[in-house]
Amino acid sequence: MRRASILLSVAGLWFAGSALAEQAAAFLGSATYATAEGCDKLKALAAGGDRNISTVPETLTAKGFDGWEHSCTFTSVAETAPGKSWKVVASCEEGESEWEDVQFVDKVDDKTFKVKGEEDKEAMVYTVCDAPAAKQGN
């Protein structure tokens, strides 16, 4: 009985630690962001287009980045300039590969953010994309 209790306690701590590892970027709200080209792809998917590596864009949400082959979940969000800039750390995976990624996010306006990685020369511009959900079966 004691052994079962210890195992349940350890499992509970592990699940609590996993939940604490994710941190939402609340400043992004509930929107889905994409580049201009990415938003066009999301709209094509919503219209019934095929889902594949060249048609599924990378998107940005308060949880992180998602793409066809990869995902990055935010684990740390730090405001660097009140209401204007943030440093986000993400835990990323693609297939069996896993890595940590650091991105700097700058607010352009209420619907647009520039995102630049530590080693990137230029920032990517992500804007709210109001595309409906993709149709089933694609």
C-alpha atoms as a PDB file:
ATOM      1  CA  MET A   1       0.000   0.000   0.000  1.00  0.00           C
ATOM      2  CA  ARG A   2       2.818   2.384   0.903  1.00  0.00           C
ATOM      3  CA  ARG A   3       4.595   1.620  -2.383  1.00  0.00           C
ATOM      4  CA  ALA A   4       1.434   2.461  -4.373  1.00  0.00           C
ATOM      5  CA  SER A   5       1.098   5.724  -2.448  1.00  0.00           C
ATOM      6  CA  ILE A   6       4.699   6.691  -3.235  1.00  0.00           C
ATOM      7  CA  LEU A   7       4.234   5.848  -6.912  1.00  0.00           C
ATOM      8  CA  LEU A   8       1.083   7.963  -7.083  1.00  0.00           C
ATOM      9  CA  SER A   9       2.901  10.861  -5.404  1.00  0.00           C
ATOM     10  CA  VAL A  10       5.805  10.666  -7.844  1.00  0.00           C
ATOM     11  CA  ALA A  11       3.406  10.465 -10.807  1.00  0.00           C
ATOM     12  CA  GLY A  12       1.495  13.471  -9.476  1.00  0.00           C
ATOM     13  CA  LEU A  13       4.703  15.514  -9.186  1.00  0.00           C
ATOM     14  CA  TRP A  14       5.743  14.522 -12.699  1.00  0.00           C
ATOM     15  CA  PHE A  15       2.377  15.608 -14.152  1.00  0.00           C
ATOM     16  CA  ALA A  16       2.481  18.861 -12.163  1.00  0.00           C
ATOM     17  CA  GLY A  17       5.993  19.533 -13.449  1.00  0.00           C
ATOM     18  CA  SER A  18       4.889  18.883 -17.018  1.00  0.00           C
ATOM     19  CA  ALA A  19       1.988  21.302 -16.697  1.00  0.00           C
ATOM     20  CA  LEU A  20       4.260  23.973 -15.250  1.00  0.00           C
ATOM     21  CA  ALA A  21       6.722  23.580 -18.122  1.00  0.00           C
ATOM     22  CA  GLU A  22       4.325  25.213 -20.579  1.00  0.00           C
ATOM     23  CA  GLN A  23       3.775  28.944 -20.369  1.00  0.00           C
ATOM     24  CA  ALA A  24       1.314  30.794 -22.565  1.00  0.00           C
ATOM     25  CA  ALA A  25       2.213  34.076 -24.225  1.00  0.00           C
ATOM     26  CA  ALA A  26      -0.918  35.824 -22.935  1.00  0.00           C
ATOM     27  CA  PHE A  27      -0.123  38.965 -24.928  1.00  0.00           C
ATOM     28  CA  LEU A  28      -1.041  37.017 -28.111  1.00  0.00           C
ATOM     29  CA  GLY A  29      -4.568  36.354 -26.839  1.00  0.00           C
ATOM     30  CA  SER A  30      -6.644  33.598 -28.435  1.00  0.00           C
ATOM     31  CA  ALA A  31      -5.828  34.484 -32.057  1.00  0.00           C
ATOM     32  CA  THR A  32      -3.942  32.437 -34.620  1.00  0.00           C
ATOM     33  CA  TYR A  33      -1.161  34.346 -36.382  1.00  0.00           C
ATOM     34  CA  ALA A  34       0.544  33.578 -39.684  1.00  0.00           C
ATOM     35  CA  THR A  35       2.641  35.306 -42.313  1.00  0.00           C
ATOM     36  CA  ALA A  36       0.676  36.762 -45.263  1.00  0.00           C
ATOM     37  CA  GLU A  37       1.549  33.691 -47.345  1.00  0.00           C
ATOM     38  CA  GLY A  38       0.712  31.414 -44.417  1.00  0.00           C
ATOM     39  CA  CYS A  39      -2.716  32.997 -43.985  1.00  0.00           C
ATOM     40  CA  ASP A  40      -3.447  32.406 -47.677  1.00  0.00           C
ATOM     41  CA  LYS A  41      -2.539  28.746 -47.139  1.00  0.00           C
ATOM     42  CA  LEU A  42      -4.847  28.526 -44.100  1.00  0.00           C
ATOM     43  CA  LYS A  43      -7.696  29.971 -46.168  1.00  0.00           C
ATOM     44  CA  ALA A  44      -7.022  27.430 -48.939  1.00  0.00           C
ATOM     45  CA  LEU A  45      -7.136  24.620 -46.365  1.00  0.00           C
ATOM     46  CA  ALA A  46     -10.426  26.001 -45.033  1.00  0.00           C
ATOM     47  CA  ALA A  47     -11.815  25.864 -48.561  1.00  0.00           C
ATOM     48  CA  GLY A  48     -10.955  22.162 -48.782  1.00  0.00           C
ATOM     49  CA  GLY A  49      -7.391  22.210 -50.080  1.00  0.00           C
ATOM     50  CA  ASP A  50      -5.067  19.254 -49.526  1.00  0.00           C
ATOM     51  CA  ARG A  51      -2.935  19.103 -46.372  1.00  0.00           C
ATOM     52  CA  ASN A  52       0.726  18.423 -47.069  1.00  0.00           C
ATOM     53  CA  ILE A  53       4.169  19.809 -46.342  1.00  0.00           C
ATOM     54  CA  SER A  54       3.831  22.599 -48.909  1.00  0.00           C
ATOM     55  CA  THR A  55       0.270  23.646 -48.021  1.00  0.00           C
ATOM     56  CA  VAL A  56       0.318  23.684 -44.198  1.00  0.00           C
ATOM     57  CA  PRO A  57       1.917  26.889 -42.922  1.00  0.00           C
ATOM     58  CA  GLU A  58       3.630  27.611 -39.640  1.00  0.00           C
ATOM     59  CA  THR A  59       1.244  29.329 -37.240  1.00  0.00           C
ATOM     60  CA  LEU A  60       1.802  31.226 -34.006  1.00  0.00           C
ATOM     61  CA  THR A  61      -0.545  31.120 -31.015  1.00  0.00           C
ATOM     62  CA  ALA A  62      -0.219  31.877 -27.323  1.00  0.00           C
ATOM     63  CA  LYS A  63       0.985  28.268 -26.864  1.00  0.00           C
ATOM     64  CA  GLY A  64       3.775  28.437 -29.457  1.00  0.00           C
ATOM     65  CA  PHE A  65       4.512  27.594 -33.096  1.00  0.00           C
ATOM     66  CA  ASP A  66       3.029  24.762 -35.156  1.00  0.00           C
ATOM     67  CA  GLY A  67       3.924  23.568 -38.626  1.00  0.00           C
ATOM     68  CA  TRP A  68       3.639  20.447 -40.756  1.00  0.00           C
ATOM     69  CA  GLU A  69       6.767  18.783 -39.408  1.00  0.00           C
ATOM     70  CA  HIS A  70       7.499  20.653 -36.194  1.00  0.00           C
ATOM     71  CA  SER A  71       6.018  22.260 -33.125  1.00  0.00           C
ATOM     72  CA  CYS A  72       7.447  24.565 -30.468  1.00  0.00           C
ATOM     73  CA  THR A  73       5.714  24.982 -27.116  1.00  0.00           C
ATOM     74  CA  PHE A  74       6.505  28.089 -25.079  1.00  0.00           C
ATOM     75  CA  THR A  75       8.182  27.246 -21.776  1.00  0.00           C
ATOM     76  CA  SER A  76       9.168  30.764 -20.710  1.00  0.00           C
ATOM     77  CA  VAL A  77       7.756  34.187 -21.572  1.00  0.00           C
ATOM     78  CA  ALA A  78       9.464  37.345 -20.300  1.00  0.00           C
ATOM     79  CA  GLU A  79       8.347  40.874 -21.076  1.00  0.00           C
ATOM     80  CA  THR A  80      11.405  42.944 -22.026  1.00  0.00           C
ATOM     81  CA  ALA A  81       9.666  46.268 -22.806  1.00  0.00           C
ATOM     82  CA  PRO A  82       6.246  46.742 -21.159  1.00  0.00           C
ATOM     83  CA  GLY A  83       3.484  45.975 -23.649  1.00  0.00           C
ATOM     84  CA  LYS A  84       5.899  46.062 -26.601  1.00  0.00           C
ATOM     85  CA  SER A  85       8.528  43.293 -26.534  1.00  0.00           C
ATOM     86  CA  TRP A  86       8.943  39.789 -25.141  1.00  0.00           C
ATOM     87  CA  LYS A  87      11.579  37.068 -25.052  1.00  0.00           C
ATOM     88  CA  VAL A  88      10.087  33.594 -25.396  1.00  0.00           C
ATOM     89  CA  VAL A  89      11.826  30.279 -24.915  1.00  0.00           C
ATOM     90  CA  ALA A  90      10.271  27.259 -26.563  1.00  0.00           C
ATOM     91  CA  SER A  91      10.738  23.527 -26.403  1.00  0.00           C
ATOM     92  CA  CYS A  92      10.674  22.297 -30.006  1.00  0.00           C
ATOM     93  CA  GLU A  93      10.434  18.950 -31.698  1.00  0.00           C
ATOM     94  CA  GLU A  94      10.564  17.646 -35.230  1.00  0.00           C
ATOM     95  CA  GLY A  95      10.334  13.896 -35.536  1.00  0.00           C
ATOM     96  CA  GLU A  96      12.838  12.521 -33.052  1.00  0.00           C
ATOM     97  CA  SER A  97      14.804  15.795 -32.812  1.00  0.00           C
ATOM     98  CA  GLU A  98      14.257  18.070 -29.827  1.00  0.00           C
ATOM     99  CA  TRP A  99      15.789  21.464 -29.069  1.00  0.00           C
ATOM    100  CA  GLU A 100      15.272  24.717 -27.202  1.00  0.00           C
ATOM    101  CA  ASP A 101      14.617  27.856 -29.224  1.00  0.00           C
ATOM    102  CA  VAL A 102      14.705  31.524 -28.186  1.00  0.00           C
ATOM    103  CA  GLN A 103      12.601  34.080 -30.044  1.00  0.00           C
ATOM    104  CA  PHE A 104      12.148  37.824 -29.598  1.00  0.00           C
ATOM    105  CA  VAL A 105       8.637  39.123 -30.244  1.00  0.00           C
ATOM    106  CA  ASP A 106       7.921  42.813 -30.925  1.00  0.00           C
ATOM    107  CA  LYS A 107       4.413  44.222 -31.116  1.00  0.00           C
ATOM    108  CA  VAL A 108       3.747  46.226 -34.292  1.00  0.00           C
ATOM    109  CA  ASP A 109       0.037  46.834 -33.599  1.00  0.00           C
ATOM    110  CA  ASP A 110      -2.881  44.968 -31.999  1.00  0.00           C
ATOM    111  CA  LYS A 111      -2.895  42.338 -34.756  1.00  0.00           C
ATOM    112  CA  THR A 112       0.737  42.170 -35.877  1.00  0.00           C
ATOM    113  CA  PHE A 113       3.992  40.978 -34.317  1.00  0.00           C
ATOM    114  CA  LYS A 114       7.553  40.703 -35.613  1.00  0.00           C
ATOM    115  CA  VAL A 115       9.343  37.537 -34.489  1.00  0.00           C
ATOM    116  CA  LYS A 116      13.086  37.040 -34.713  1.00  0.00           C
ATOM    117  CA  GLY A 117      15.210  34.146 -33.518  1.00  0.00           C
ATOM    118  CA  GLU A 118      18.606  34.631 -31.904  1.00  0.00           C
ATOM    119  CA  GLU A 119      20.406  33.673 -35.110  1.00  0.00           C
ATOM    120  CA  ASP A 120      17.949  35.159 -37.629  1.00  0.00           C
ATOM    121  CA  LYS A 121      19.010  38.147 -39.718  1.00  0.00           C
ATOM    122  CA  GLU A 122      15.461  39.335 -40.352  1.00  0.00           C
ATOM    123  CA  ALA A 123      12.231  39.159 -38.390  1.00  0.00           C
ATOM    124  CA  MET A 124       9.169  37.320 -39.669  1.00  0.00           C
ATOM    125  CA  VAL A 125       5.907  39.282 -39.595  1.00  0.00           C
ATOM    126  CA  TYR A 126       2.928  37.401 -38.133  1.00  0.00           C
ATOM    127  CA  THR A 127      -0.568  38.888 -38.378  1.00  0.00           C
ATOM    128  CA  VAL A 128      -3.902  37.643 -37.061  1.00  0.00           C
ATOM    129  CA  CYS A 129      -5.328  35.217 -39.598  1.00  0.00           C
ATOM    130  CA  ASP A 130      -9.096  34.928 -39.464  1.00  0.00           C
ATOM    131  CA  ALA A 131      -9.292  31.857 -41.693  1.00  0.00           C
ATOM    132  CA  PRO A 132     -11.996  29.391 -40.655  1.00  0.00           C
ATOM    133  CA  ALA A 133     -11.011  25.909 -39.509  1.00  0.00           C
ATOM    134  CA  ALA A 134      -9.909  23.527 -42.252  1.00  0.00           C
ATOM    135  CA  LYS A 135     -12.613  21.281 -43.672  1.00  0.00           C
ATOM    136  CA  GLN A 136     -12.682  17.679 -42.461  1.00  0.00           C
ATOM    137  CA  GLY A 137     -10.821  15.119 -44.530  1.00  0.00           C
ATOM    138  CA  ASN A 138      -8.112  17.375 -45.873  1.00  0.00           C
END
